[in-house]
Amino acid sequence: MRAERGDGPHVRHLLGAYVLDALEEGESGPVARHLQRCEVCAAAYLEVAHALTLLALLDVDDLLE
């Protein structure tokens, strides 16, 4: 997957991997630059990062309820 395609790429499909620092070499930089100039993707990034933070608070018993 490449983060930069066309004139105005949107990287929302890469945000989960970006938050987890799981992108392939060379993909994080383009995603970071895109997030600096795209308010829509920056807002989506915050949602993904917040969701990850909330998931980290759960334990197995929470998931079984």
C-alpha atoms as a PDB file:
ATOM      1  CA  MET A   1       0.000   0.000   0.000  1.00  0.00           C
ATOM      2  CA  ARG A   2       1.293   3.433  -0.826  1.00  0.00           C
ATOM      3  CA  ALA A   3       0.152   6.456   1.158  1.00  0.00           C
ATOM      4  CA  GLU A   4       0.646   8.983  -1.634  1.00  0.00           C
ATOM      5  CA  ARG A   5      -1.512   8.529  -4.718  1.00  0.00           C
ATOM      6  CA  GLY A   6      -2.949  11.224  -6.922  1.00  0.00           C
ATOM      7  CA  ASP A   7      -3.336  14.872  -6.003  1.00  0.00           C
ATOM      8  CA  GLY A   8      -5.180  14.468  -2.716  1.00  0.00           C
ATOM      9  CA  PRO A   9      -4.657  11.040  -1.187  1.00  0.00           C
ATOM     10  CA  HIS A  10      -6.637  10.032   1.827  1.00  0.00           C
ATOM     11  CA  VAL A  11      -4.904   7.659   4.172  1.00  0.00           C
ATOM     12  CA  ARG A  12      -7.774   6.594   6.397  1.00  0.00           C
ATOM     13  CA  HIS A  13      -7.285   2.958   5.396  1.00  0.00           C
ATOM     14  CA  LEU A  14      -3.741   3.152   6.807  1.00  0.00           C
ATOM     15  CA  LEU A  15      -4.583   4.812  10.130  1.00  0.00           C
ATOM     16  CA  GLY A  16      -4.945   1.636  12.191  1.00  0.00           C
ATOM     17  CA  ALA A  17      -1.517   0.417  11.122  1.00  0.00           C
ATOM     18  CA  TYR A  18      -0.097   3.926  11.572  1.00  0.00           C
ATOM     19  CA  VAL A  19      -1.359   4.151  15.169  1.00  0.00           C
ATOM     20  CA  LEU A  20       0.102   0.702  15.890  1.00  0.00           C
ATOM     21  CA  ASP A  21       3.396   1.646  14.187  1.00  0.00           C
ATOM     22  CA  ALA A  22       2.870  -1.287  11.836  1.00  0.00           C
ATOM     23  CA  LEU A  23       3.238   0.339   8.416  1.00  0.00           C
ATOM     24  CA  GLU A  24       5.784  -0.889   5.929  1.00  0.00           C
ATOM     25  CA  GLU A  25       9.048   0.984   5.604  1.00  0.00           C
ATOM     26  CA  GLY A  26       8.551   4.301   3.887  1.00  0.00           C
ATOM     27  CA  GLU A  27       4.815   4.600   4.577  1.00  0.00           C
ATOM     28  CA  SER A  28       4.809   6.392   7.938  1.00  0.00           C
ATOM     29  CA  GLY A  29       6.359   9.603   6.626  1.00  0.00           C
ATOM     30  CA  PRO A  30       3.807  10.154   3.854  1.00  0.00           C
ATOM     31  CA  VAL A  31       0.959   9.382   6.265  1.00  0.00           C
ATOM     32  CA  ALA A  32       2.330  11.847   8.842  1.00  0.00           C
ATOM     33  CA  ARG A  33       2.690  14.558   6.190  1.00  0.00           C
ATOM     34  CA  HIS A  34      -0.829  13.906   4.946  1.00  0.00           C
ATOM     35  CA  LEU A  35      -2.235  14.170   8.469  1.00  0.00           C
ATOM     36  CA  GLN A  36      -0.606  17.587   8.843  1.00  0.00           C
ATOM     37  CA  ARG A  37      -2.523  18.991   5.870  1.00  0.00           C
ATOM     38  CA  CYS A  38      -5.810  17.027   5.848  1.00  0.00           C
ATOM     39  CA  GLU A  39      -8.249  17.890   8.630  1.00  0.00           C
ATOM     40  CA  VAL A  40     -10.587  15.015   7.720  1.00  0.00           C
ATOM     41  CA  CYS A  41      -7.878  12.379   8.057  1.00  0.00           C
ATOM     42  CA  ALA A  42      -6.402  14.057  11.150  1.00  0.00           C
ATOM     43  CA  ALA A  43      -9.804  13.822  12.845  1.00  0.00           C
ATOM     44  CA  ALA A  44     -10.107  10.169  11.824  1.00  0.00           C
ATOM     45  CA  TYR A  45      -6.612   9.552  13.216  1.00  0.00           C
ATOM     46  CA  LEU A  46      -7.673  10.961  16.593  1.00  0.00           C
ATOM     47  CA  GLU A  47     -10.696   8.663  16.624  1.00  0.00           C
ATOM     48  CA  VAL A  48      -8.563   5.606  15.874  1.00  0.00           C
ATOM     49  CA  ALA A  49      -5.964   6.567  18.478  1.00  0.00           C
ATOM     50  CA  HIS A  50      -8.701   7.179  21.067  1.00  0.00           C
ATOM     51  CA  ALA A  51     -10.336   3.824  20.314  1.00  0.00           C
ATOM     52  CA  LEU A  52      -6.994   2.063  20.736  1.00  0.00           C
ATOM     53  CA  THR A  53      -6.528   3.767  24.105  1.00  0.00           C
ATOM     54  CA  LEU A  54      -9.979   2.635  25.234  1.00  0.00           C
ATOM     55  CA  LEU A  55      -9.369  -0.940  24.064  1.00  0.00           C
ATOM     56  CA  ALA A  56      -6.168  -1.053  26.103  1.00  0.00           C
ATOM     57  CA  LEU A  57      -8.255  -0.434  29.242  1.00  0.00           C
ATOM     58  CA  LEU A  58     -10.335  -3.583  28.718  1.00  0.00           C
ATOM     59  CA  ASP A  59      -9.523  -6.957  30.152  1.00  0.00           C
ATOM     60  CA  VAL A  60     -10.797 -10.402  29.194  1.00  0.00           C
ATOM     61  CA  ASP A  61     -13.768 -10.218  31.587  1.00  0.00           C
ATOM     62  CA  ASP A  62     -14.913  -6.962  29.982  1.00  0.00           C
ATOM     63  CA  LEU A  63     -14.904  -8.601  26.573  1.00  0.00           C
ATOM     64  CA  LEU A  64     -16.929 -11.597  27.763  1.00  0.00           C
ATOM     65  CA  GLU A  65     -19.768  -9.519  29.224  1.00  0.00           C
END
